Structures are given as structure tokens and as C-alpha cells.
Amino acid sequence: MTKPHGNSGKLRPHTWVTGTDPQLHQQYTQFLRQRSQAHFRSEIWNLNFSQWVNIWGDLWQFRGRHREDYCLTREDDSQPWQVSNCQVISRKEHFRRRNGSRLGTTYRKRPRNDKN
């Protein structure tokens, strides 16, 4: 169940971009978070929401933070986030592949747009 917005304590599914389906709403929220993280890391994101949902398929219910759970990752980190470069794999497999490949990697901060 999603948390209520504002002080009213009531959900407003009629205002959701995805309609009234709570699972689709949750997926859309996660899509926006993943896209924002890619943007923060200066990675190119070429996926729309429907493509992202199709990549997840039936494995969406098995996502999570444990070793046996699934996550969305890129096959080649030098390529953008796009349908041909994304796959859903177990987190155990994800970290086995990435072990050491990102050690020492730091991300350049985006310049602030201060208007003082």
C-alpha cells in the first residue's frame, strides 16, 4: 500500500499517471527513481516506462535487496540504458559480475545552478 500524500490522509489514485492500479503506480515510482539515479551518475537513459515494465516482466514481484532477489542492470556499463542493453538478473549474479569493476569509481558532481 502506498503512503497517503499531503495532510488529507487519503490516497488519490484518480490523479496517478498510471491510473488506479497500485502495482503499476509502484512500478512507475521505481522507474522514476532508477532514471533519476542514472541521470545523477551521468548515464544515458533511453528507456520509457512501458519498455522498462516489459523488461521486468513477471520478475517484478521478486525484486528486492537480498542475494536471491532480482535487479535491473546493464549488460555493458559503457552503453546507455536501453532495451538491448538491459536485463533482469539476481543480485548475487549482478555483484559477481561487478566485483571489482567499479572499485575506486567516483561520480562527478553535477554543477549547481545557483541563482543568487
N, C-alpha and C. Protein backbone atom coordinates (compact mmCIF):
# COMPACT_ATOMS: atom_id res chain seq x y z
N MET A 1 0.85 -1.18 0.00
CA MET A 1 0.00 0.00 0.00
C MET A 1 0.89 1.23 0.00
N THR A 2 0.58 2.18 -0.82
CA THR A 2 1.38 3.39 -0.86
C THR A 2 0.95 4.34 0.23
N LYS A 3 1.82 5.23 0.60
CA LYS A 3 1.55 6.19 1.66
C LYS A 3 0.66 7.31 1.12
N PRO A 4 -0.18 7.84 1.99
CA PRO A 4 -1.01 8.97 1.56
C PRO A 4 -0.17 10.20 1.29
N HIS A 5 -0.64 11.06 0.41
CA HIS A 5 0.05 12.29 0.08
C HIS A 5 -0.60 13.45 0.82
N GLY A 6 0.22 14.38 1.26
CA GLY A 6 -0.32 15.57 1.90
C GLY A 6 -0.88 15.28 3.27
N ASN A 7 -1.67 16.19 3.76
CA ASN A 7 -2.23 16.07 5.10
C ASN A 7 -3.61 15.43 5.11
N SER A 8 -4.17 15.15 3.97
CA SER A 8 -5.54 14.65 3.93
C SER A 8 -5.65 13.22 4.43
N GLY A 9 -4.57 12.43 4.34
CA GLY A 9 -4.61 11.04 4.77
C GLY A 9 -5.32 10.13 3.78
N LYS A 10 -5.68 10.64 2.62
CA LYS A 10 -6.39 9.85 1.62
C LYS A 10 -5.52 9.69 0.38
N LEU A 11 -5.59 8.49 -0.21
CA LEU A 11 -4.91 8.27 -1.48
C LEU A 11 -5.72 8.92 -2.59
N ARG A 12 -5.03 9.34 -3.64
CA ARG A 12 -5.70 9.99 -4.76
C ARG A 12 -5.34 9.29 -6.07
N PRO A 13 -5.74 8.01 -6.21
CA PRO A 13 -5.35 7.27 -7.41
C PRO A 13 -5.90 7.86 -8.71
N HIS A 14 -6.96 8.63 -8.64
CA HIS A 14 -7.50 9.23 -9.85
C HIS A 14 -6.55 10.28 -10.43
N THR A 15 -5.53 10.69 -9.66
CA THR A 15 -4.55 11.67 -10.15
C THR A 15 -3.26 11.01 -10.62
N TRP A 16 -3.12 9.69 -10.44
CA TRP A 16 -1.89 9.00 -10.81
C TRP A 16 -1.74 8.92 -12.32
N VAL A 17 -0.53 9.09 -12.81
CA VAL A 17 -0.23 8.98 -14.24
C VAL A 17 -0.57 7.58 -14.75
N THR A 18 -0.38 6.59 -13.90
CA THR A 18 -0.56 5.19 -14.29
C THR A 18 -1.98 4.70 -14.11
N GLY A 19 -2.87 5.51 -13.61
CA GLY A 19 -4.23 5.06 -13.34
C GLY A 19 -4.35 4.57 -11.90
N THR A 20 -5.36 3.78 -11.64
CA THR A 20 -5.66 3.39 -10.26
C THR A 20 -5.00 2.09 -9.82
N ASP A 21 -4.25 1.43 -10.66
CA ASP A 21 -3.58 0.17 -10.30
C ASP A 21 -2.41 0.44 -9.36
N PRO A 22 -2.46 -0.05 -8.10
CA PRO A 22 -1.37 0.24 -7.14
C PRO A 22 -0.03 -0.34 -7.56
N GLN A 23 -0.02 -1.54 -8.20
CA GLN A 23 1.26 -2.13 -8.61
C GLN A 23 1.89 -1.29 -9.72
N LEU A 24 1.11 -0.86 -10.67
CA LEU A 24 1.63 -0.03 -11.75
C LEU A 24 2.13 1.30 -11.21
N HIS A 25 1.45 1.83 -10.23
CA HIS A 25 1.87 3.07 -9.58
C HIS A 25 3.22 2.87 -8.88
N GLN A 26 3.38 1.75 -8.19
CA GLN A 26 4.64 1.44 -7.52
C GLN A 26 5.76 1.26 -8.55
N GLN A 27 5.47 0.59 -9.65
CA GLN A 27 6.47 0.41 -10.70
C GLN A 27 6.89 1.75 -11.29
N TYR A 28 5.93 2.63 -11.50
CA TYR A 28 6.24 3.93 -12.06
C TYR A 28 7.15 4.73 -11.12
N THR A 29 6.87 4.64 -9.84
CA THR A 29 7.72 5.33 -8.85
C THR A 29 9.14 4.79 -8.91
N GLN A 30 9.29 3.46 -8.98
CA GLN A 30 10.63 2.87 -9.06
C GLN A 30 11.32 3.21 -10.37
N PHE A 31 10.56 3.26 -11.45
CA PHE A 31 11.12 3.67 -12.75
C PHE A 31 11.71 5.08 -12.64
N LEU A 32 10.95 6.00 -12.06
CA LEU A 32 11.42 7.38 -11.91
C LEU A 32 12.67 7.45 -11.04
N ARG A 33 12.72 6.65 -9.99
CA ARG A 33 13.91 6.63 -9.13
C ARG A 33 15.13 6.11 -9.87
N GLN A 34 14.95 5.02 -10.63
CA GLN A 34 16.09 4.46 -11.35
C GLN A 34 16.56 5.42 -12.43
N ARG A 35 15.65 6.05 -13.12
CA ARG A 35 16.01 7.03 -14.15
C ARG A 35 16.75 8.22 -13.53
N SER A 36 16.29 8.67 -12.37
CA SER A 36 16.95 9.79 -11.68
C SER A 36 18.36 9.42 -11.24
N GLN A 37 18.54 8.19 -10.75
CA GLN A 37 19.88 7.75 -10.35
C GLN A 37 20.81 7.68 -11.56
N ALA A 38 20.32 7.21 -12.68
CA ALA A 38 21.14 7.17 -13.89
C ALA A 38 21.53 8.58 -14.30
N HIS A 39 20.60 9.50 -14.21
CA HIS A 39 20.88 10.90 -14.55
C HIS A 39 21.94 11.46 -13.59
N PHE A 40 21.82 11.16 -12.30
CA PHE A 40 22.78 11.62 -11.31
C PHE A 40 24.19 11.11 -11.63
N ARG A 41 24.28 9.86 -12.11
CA ARG A 41 25.58 9.26 -12.44
C ARG A 41 26.02 9.62 -13.86
N SER A 42 25.30 10.52 -14.52
CA SER A 42 25.59 10.97 -15.88
C SER A 42 25.56 9.83 -16.89
N GLU A 43 24.65 8.88 -16.68
CA GLU A 43 24.47 7.77 -17.60
C GLU A 43 23.32 8.11 -18.55
N ILE A 44 23.43 7.66 -19.78
CA ILE A 44 22.39 7.93 -20.77
C ILE A 44 21.23 6.97 -20.54
N TRP A 45 20.00 7.49 -20.50
CA TRP A 45 18.79 6.70 -20.25
C TRP A 45 17.89 6.78 -21.47
N ASN A 46 17.74 5.67 -22.18
CA ASN A 46 16.90 5.62 -23.38
C ASN A 46 15.74 4.66 -23.22
N LEU A 47 15.17 4.58 -22.03
CA LEU A 47 14.02 3.70 -21.78
C LEU A 47 12.81 4.53 -21.43
N ASN A 48 11.66 4.15 -21.96
CA ASN A 48 10.43 4.75 -21.47
C ASN A 48 9.79 3.76 -20.48
N PHE A 49 8.72 4.18 -19.86
CA PHE A 49 8.12 3.37 -18.80
C PHE A 49 7.63 2.02 -19.31
N SER A 50 6.97 1.98 -20.46
CA SER A 50 6.45 0.70 -20.97
C SER A 50 7.58 -0.27 -21.31
N GLN A 51 8.68 0.22 -21.86
CA GLN A 51 9.83 -0.64 -22.14
C GLN A 51 10.41 -1.20 -20.84
N TRP A 52 10.51 -0.34 -19.84
CA TRP A 52 11.05 -0.72 -18.55
C TRP A 52 10.19 -1.82 -17.91
N VAL A 53 8.87 -1.66 -17.97
CA VAL A 53 7.95 -2.67 -17.42
C VAL A 53 8.09 -3.98 -18.18
N ASN A 54 8.21 -3.93 -19.50
CA ASN A 54 8.37 -5.15 -20.30
C ASN A 54 9.66 -5.87 -19.98
N ILE A 55 10.73 -5.15 -19.71
CA ILE A 55 12.00 -5.79 -19.35
C ILE A 55 11.84 -6.56 -18.04
N TRP A 56 11.16 -5.95 -17.08
CA TRP A 56 10.93 -6.62 -15.79
C TRP A 56 10.04 -7.84 -15.95
N GLY A 57 9.00 -7.74 -16.76
CA GLY A 57 8.09 -8.86 -16.97
C GLY A 57 7.51 -9.40 -15.67
N ASP A 58 7.49 -10.72 -15.53
CA ASP A 58 6.92 -11.37 -14.35
C ASP A 58 7.88 -11.39 -13.16
N LEU A 59 9.11 -10.95 -13.36
CA LEU A 59 10.09 -10.98 -12.26
C LEU A 59 9.95 -9.79 -11.32
N TRP A 60 9.07 -8.84 -11.64
CA TRP A 60 8.90 -7.65 -10.80
C TRP A 60 8.61 -8.03 -9.35
N GLN A 61 7.79 -9.05 -9.14
CA GLN A 61 7.42 -9.44 -7.78
C GLN A 61 8.58 -10.05 -6.99
N PHE A 62 9.67 -10.38 -7.65
CA PHE A 62 10.82 -10.99 -6.98
C PHE A 62 11.99 -10.03 -6.81
N ARG A 63 11.77 -8.75 -7.04
CA ARG A 63 12.84 -7.77 -6.86
C ARG A 63 13.06 -7.55 -5.37
N GLY A 64 14.23 -7.02 -5.02
CA GLY A 64 14.48 -6.75 -3.61
C GLY A 64 15.95 -6.50 -3.35
N ARG A 65 16.30 -6.55 -2.07
CA ARG A 65 17.66 -6.22 -1.66
C ARG A 65 18.45 -7.43 -1.16
N HIS A 66 17.88 -8.62 -1.25
CA HIS A 66 18.58 -9.81 -0.81
C HIS A 66 19.29 -10.48 -1.98
N ARG A 67 20.20 -11.38 -1.67
CA ARG A 67 21.01 -12.04 -2.71
C ARG A 67 20.17 -12.76 -3.75
N GLU A 68 19.07 -13.37 -3.31
CA GLU A 68 18.25 -14.17 -4.21
C GLU A 68 17.27 -13.32 -5.02
N ASP A 69 17.11 -12.06 -4.63
CA ASP A 69 16.17 -11.17 -5.31
C ASP A 69 16.76 -10.70 -6.64
N TYR A 70 15.92 -10.06 -7.43
CA TYR A 70 16.31 -9.62 -8.77
C TYR A 70 16.49 -8.11 -8.85
N CYS A 71 17.31 -7.70 -9.81
CA CYS A 71 17.52 -6.28 -10.08
C CYS A 71 17.70 -6.08 -11.58
N LEU A 72 17.47 -4.86 -12.02
CA LEU A 72 17.67 -4.50 -13.42
C LEU A 72 19.07 -3.94 -13.57
N THR A 73 19.80 -4.44 -14.54
CA THR A 73 21.18 -3.98 -14.75
C THR A 73 21.48 -3.91 -16.23
N ARG A 74 22.58 -3.26 -16.53
CA ARG A 74 23.03 -3.19 -17.93
C ARG A 74 24.02 -4.31 -18.19
N GLU A 75 24.00 -4.86 -19.38
CA GLU A 75 24.97 -5.88 -19.76
C GLU A 75 26.35 -5.26 -19.94
N ASP A 76 26.39 -4.08 -20.55
CA ASP A 76 27.63 -3.37 -20.80
C ASP A 76 27.50 -1.97 -20.19
N ASP A 77 28.29 -1.70 -19.16
CA ASP A 77 28.19 -0.42 -18.45
C ASP A 77 28.63 0.78 -19.30
N SER A 78 29.33 0.53 -20.38
CA SER A 78 29.76 1.65 -21.23
C SER A 78 28.65 2.08 -22.19
N GLN A 79 27.61 1.26 -22.29
CA GLN A 79 26.49 1.56 -23.17
C GLN A 79 25.34 2.19 -22.38
N PRO A 80 24.43 2.90 -23.05
CA PRO A 80 23.31 3.53 -22.33
C PRO A 80 22.28 2.51 -21.83
N TRP A 81 21.41 2.99 -20.96
CA TRP A 81 20.26 2.21 -20.52
C TRP A 81 19.28 2.16 -21.68
N GLN A 82 19.19 1.02 -22.35
CA GLN A 82 18.28 0.84 -23.47
C GLN A 82 17.86 -0.63 -23.50
N VAL A 83 16.82 -0.92 -24.23
CA VAL A 83 16.24 -2.27 -24.23
C VAL A 83 17.28 -3.33 -24.57
N SER A 84 18.11 -3.09 -25.56
CA SER A 84 19.08 -4.09 -25.99
C SER A 84 20.24 -4.27 -25.02
N ASN A 85 20.36 -3.41 -24.01
CA ASN A 85 21.49 -3.48 -23.09
C ASN A 85 21.05 -3.76 -21.65
N CYS A 86 19.78 -3.97 -21.40
CA CYS A 86 19.29 -4.19 -20.04
C CYS A 86 18.80 -5.61 -19.85
N GLN A 87 18.95 -6.10 -18.63
CA GLN A 87 18.45 -7.41 -18.29
C GLN A 87 18.16 -7.47 -16.80
N VAL A 88 17.27 -8.38 -16.43
CA VAL A 88 16.95 -8.61 -15.02
C VAL A 88 17.69 -9.86 -14.60
N ILE A 89 18.53 -9.72 -13.57
CA ILE A 89 19.31 -10.85 -13.06
C ILE A 89 19.25 -10.82 -11.53
N SER A 90 19.71 -11.89 -10.91
CA SER A 90 19.73 -11.92 -9.45
C SER A 90 20.79 -10.94 -8.95
N ARG A 91 20.57 -10.43 -7.77
CA ARG A 91 21.55 -9.51 -7.20
C ARG A 91 22.89 -10.22 -6.96
N LYS A 92 22.83 -11.49 -6.64
CA LYS A 92 24.06 -12.27 -6.45
C LYS A 92 24.88 -12.27 -7.74
N GLU A 93 24.21 -12.52 -8.86
CA GLU A 93 24.88 -12.52 -10.16
C GLU A 93 25.36 -11.12 -10.52
N HIS A 94 24.53 -10.11 -10.22
CA HIS A 94 24.90 -8.73 -10.51
C HIS A 94 26.21 -8.36 -9.82
N PHE A 95 26.32 -8.65 -8.53
CA PHE A 95 27.54 -8.30 -7.80
C PHE A 95 28.71 -9.19 -8.16
N ARG A 96 28.44 -10.43 -8.57
CA ARG A 96 29.53 -11.30 -9.03
C ARG A 96 30.16 -10.71 -10.29
N ARG A 97 29.33 -10.22 -11.21
CA ARG A 97 29.83 -9.60 -12.44
C ARG A 97 30.56 -8.30 -12.17
N ARG A 98 30.05 -7.53 -11.22
CA ARG A 98 30.59 -6.20 -10.95
C ARG A 98 31.73 -6.19 -9.95
N ASN A 99 32.03 -7.32 -9.36
CA ASN A 99 33.06 -7.38 -8.33
C ASN A 99 34.37 -6.80 -8.83
N GLY A 100 34.72 -5.66 -8.30
CA GLY A 100 35.99 -5.04 -8.65
C GLY A 100 35.93 -4.13 -9.86
N SER A 101 34.91 -4.26 -10.70
CA SER A 101 34.89 -3.44 -11.92
C SER A 101 34.62 -1.97 -11.63
N ARG A 102 34.01 -1.68 -10.48
CA ARG A 102 33.71 -0.30 -10.15
C ARG A 102 34.47 0.20 -8.93
N LEU A 103 35.41 -0.59 -8.43
CA LEU A 103 36.17 -0.15 -7.26
C LEU A 103 36.93 1.12 -7.58
N GLY A 104 36.84 2.07 -6.70
CA GLY A 104 37.54 3.33 -6.89
C GLY A 104 36.82 4.29 -7.81
N THR A 105 35.66 3.90 -8.31
CA THR A 105 34.90 4.78 -9.19
C THR A 105 34.23 5.86 -8.36
N THR A 106 34.40 7.07 -8.78
CA THR A 106 33.68 8.17 -8.15
C THR A 106 32.89 8.88 -9.23
N TYR A 107 31.81 9.45 -8.83
CA TYR A 107 30.96 10.14 -9.78
C TYR A 107 31.17 11.64 -9.65
N ARG A 108 31.29 12.28 -10.77
CA ARG A 108 31.47 13.72 -10.81
C ARG A 108 30.16 14.38 -10.42
N LYS A 109 30.24 15.31 -9.49
CA LYS A 109 29.02 16.03 -9.10
C LYS A 109 28.57 16.93 -10.22
N ARG A 110 27.26 17.00 -10.39
CA ARG A 110 26.71 17.92 -11.38
C ARG A 110 26.88 19.33 -10.87
N PRO A 111 27.19 20.26 -11.75
CA PRO A 111 27.34 21.67 -11.30
C PRO A 111 26.00 22.19 -10.81
N ARG A 112 26.05 22.95 -9.73
CA ARG A 112 24.84 23.56 -9.19
C ARG A 112 24.46 24.77 -10.01
N ASN A 113 23.20 24.97 -10.13
CA ASN A 113 22.71 26.11 -10.88
C ASN A 113 22.18 27.13 -9.89
N ASP A 114 23.08 27.76 -9.16
CA ASP A 114 22.69 28.75 -8.15
C ASP A 114 22.32 30.05 -8.83
N LYS A 115 21.23 30.57 -8.42
CA LYS A 115 20.78 31.86 -8.95
C LYS A 115 20.69 32.85 -7.79
N ASN A 116 21.83 33.31 -7.32
CA ASN A 116 21.86 34.26 -6.20
C ASN A 116 22.05 35.65 -6.67
